[in-house]
Amino acid sequence: MSMDPAVTNPDHYRVVFENEHVRVLRYHDEPGERTTAHEHPDSVMYTLSAFRRRLVSGDQEREVEMVAGMTGWLPAQRHMGENIGDTPTDVLFVELKHAGAAAVDPGSGSAGSGADSNAGGDGADQPLGPG
């Protein structure tokens, strides 16, 4: 079964560009909407809107709040999410296709637990994806 978000959650993820190096996804949801479990390779995320989400990866659950215009690094991960805010979520993902991309560990659901961002804040120990 594919864990590609464009396949598992086609109402939320849309491929807007793809070549041999990257794939760019546009993500959109409304308050109260959820995604099913899916995987992301190493990616860069750019938030087009401010939003609040609950992310679940394995037995870990966390809530994240993002501002519009934030750019952040996302290590490869498997998760599902829910829009718990009052606003739609709009995000662009640039997924890397390089040969050195970390594979998702099926046991842990993640290739790494950290995330880096050039936008500051204390999200260094949280996955940043919208869900």
Protein backbone atom coordinates (compact mmCIF):
# COMPACT_ATOMS: atom_id res chain seq x y z
CA MET A 1 0.00 0.00 0.00
CA SER A 2 1.33 3.39 -0.97
CA MET A 3 2.08 5.88 1.82
CA ASP A 4 2.50 8.72 -0.72
CA PRO A 5 0.39 11.65 0.59
CA ALA A 6 -0.81 12.51 -2.94
CA VAL A 7 -2.26 8.96 -3.10
CA THR A 8 -3.44 8.49 0.50
CA ASN A 9 -4.88 12.01 0.86
CA PRO A 10 -5.64 13.33 -2.66
CA ASP A 11 -8.24 15.80 -1.35
CA HIS A 12 -5.47 17.59 0.58
CA TYR A 13 -2.21 17.05 -1.36
CA ARG A 14 -1.69 18.07 -5.01
CA VAL A 15 1.52 17.68 -7.03
CA VAL A 16 2.30 21.11 -8.52
CA PHE A 17 5.78 20.35 -9.92
CA GLU A 18 8.01 17.31 -10.32
CA ASN A 19 11.32 16.44 -11.95
CA GLU A 20 14.17 13.98 -11.27
CA HIS A 21 15.41 16.06 -8.29
CA VAL A 22 12.32 17.26 -6.40
CA ARG A 23 8.57 16.97 -6.12
CA VAL A 24 6.55 19.98 -4.94
CA LEU A 25 3.26 19.36 -3.15
CA ARG A 26 0.58 21.91 -2.29
CA TYR A 27 -1.34 21.03 0.88
CA HIS A 28 -4.72 22.49 1.87
CA ASP A 29 -7.31 21.63 4.50
CA GLU A 30 -10.08 23.26 6.49
CA PRO A 31 -10.59 23.38 10.28
CA GLY A 32 -11.57 19.97 11.65
CA GLU A 33 -10.27 18.00 8.67
CA ARG A 34 -7.80 15.10 9.11
CA THR A 35 -5.34 13.17 7.01
CA THR A 36 -4.72 9.45 7.08
CA ALA A 37 -1.25 8.05 7.77
CA HIS A 38 1.30 8.92 5.08
CA GLU A 39 5.05 9.40 4.60
CA HIS A 40 7.21 12.32 3.56
CA PRO A 41 10.83 12.00 2.40
CA ASP A 42 13.34 14.65 3.50
CA SER A 43 11.61 17.91 2.59
CA VAL A 44 11.53 21.68 2.90
CA MET A 45 8.23 23.17 4.02
CA TYR A 46 6.97 26.71 3.37
CA THR A 47 3.82 27.80 5.20
CA LEU A 48 1.44 29.87 3.10
CA SER A 49 -0.94 30.45 6.03
CA ALA A 50 -0.89 30.41 9.83
CA PHE A 51 -2.39 27.24 11.34
CA ARG A 52 -2.67 24.88 14.34
CA ARG A 53 -2.41 21.10 13.94
CA ARG A 54 -2.26 17.92 15.95
CA LEU A 55 0.31 15.48 14.54
CA VAL A 56 0.40 11.79 15.43
CA SER A 57 3.41 9.59 14.64
CA GLY A 58 3.27 6.12 16.15
CA ASP A 59 2.49 6.57 19.84
CA GLN A 60 3.68 10.20 19.88
CA GLU A 61 1.23 13.08 19.59
CA ARG A 62 2.00 16.79 19.54
CA GLU A 63 0.33 20.05 18.70
CA VAL A 64 2.08 22.60 16.50
CA GLU A 65 1.27 26.18 15.64
CA MET A 66 2.87 27.78 12.59
CA VAL A 67 2.94 31.32 11.26
CA ALA A 68 2.59 32.21 7.58
CA GLY A 69 5.87 32.61 5.72
CA MET A 70 7.87 30.09 7.78
CA THR A 71 10.40 27.88 6.01
CA GLY A 72 11.61 24.71 7.72
CA TRP A 73 13.48 21.45 7.17
CA LEU A 74 11.52 18.23 7.66
CA PRO A 75 13.38 14.95 8.07
CA ALA A 76 11.69 11.94 6.48
CA GLN A 77 8.70 10.89 8.58
CA ARG A 78 5.38 9.03 8.75
CA HIS A 79 2.44 10.72 10.45
CA MET A 80 -1.20 11.74 10.28
CA GLY A 81 -2.61 15.11 11.23
CA GLU A 82 -5.68 17.10 12.14
CA ASN A 83 -6.43 20.80 11.71
CA ILE A 84 -7.34 21.84 15.28
CA GLY A 85 -7.34 25.56 14.57
CA ASP A 86 -9.86 28.07 13.26
CA THR A 87 -8.13 28.67 9.91
CA PRO A 88 -7.35 26.62 6.80
CA THR A 89 -3.87 25.11 6.47
CA ASP A 90 -1.97 25.99 3.29
CA VAL A 91 1.59 24.71 2.82
CA LEU A 92 4.10 23.94 0.08
CA PHE A 93 6.42 20.93 0.46
CA VAL A 94 9.57 20.51 -1.63
CA GLU A 95 10.35 16.80 -1.35
CA LEU A 96 13.93 15.80 -2.12
CA LYS A 97 14.63 12.83 -4.38
CA HIS A 98 18.38 12.58 -3.80
CA ALA A 99 19.91 9.12 -3.42
CA GLY A 100 21.03 9.92 0.12
CA ALA A 101 17.50 10.65 1.36
CA ALA A 102 16.85 8.96 4.68
CA ALA A 103 14.41 6.09 4.52
CA VAL A 104 11.54 6.00 6.98
CA ASP A 105 12.12 3.40 9.69
CA PRO A 106 8.91 1.34 9.70
CA GLY A 107 9.41 0.52 13.39
CA SER A 108 9.58 4.09 14.60
CA GLY A 109 7.65 5.80 11.80
CA SER A 110 10.39 8.41 11.44
CA ALA A 111 13.88 8.83 10.09
CA GLY A 112 14.58 11.46 12.70
CA SER A 113 12.83 13.24 15.52
CA GLY A 114 14.31 16.67 15.02
CA ALA A 115 13.53 19.51 12.66
CA ASP A 116 15.43 22.65 11.87
CA SER A 117 13.93 25.94 10.84
CA ASN A 118 15.31 29.28 9.81
CA ALA A 119 12.19 30.91 11.23
CA GLY A 120 13.25 30.62 14.87
CA GLY A 121 11.01 29.45 17.69
CA ASP A 122 11.28 26.35 19.80
CA GLY A 123 10.00 23.73 17.31
CA ALA A 124 13.40 22.03 17.13
CA ASP A 125 12.08 18.79 18.61
CA GLN A 126 8.81 18.66 16.65
CA PRO A 127 7.96 17.48 13.16
CA LEU A 128 6.80 20.55 11.29
CA GLY A 129 4.56 19.07 8.61
CA PRO A 130 0.92 20.03 8.53
CA GLY A 131 -0.32 16.58 8.40
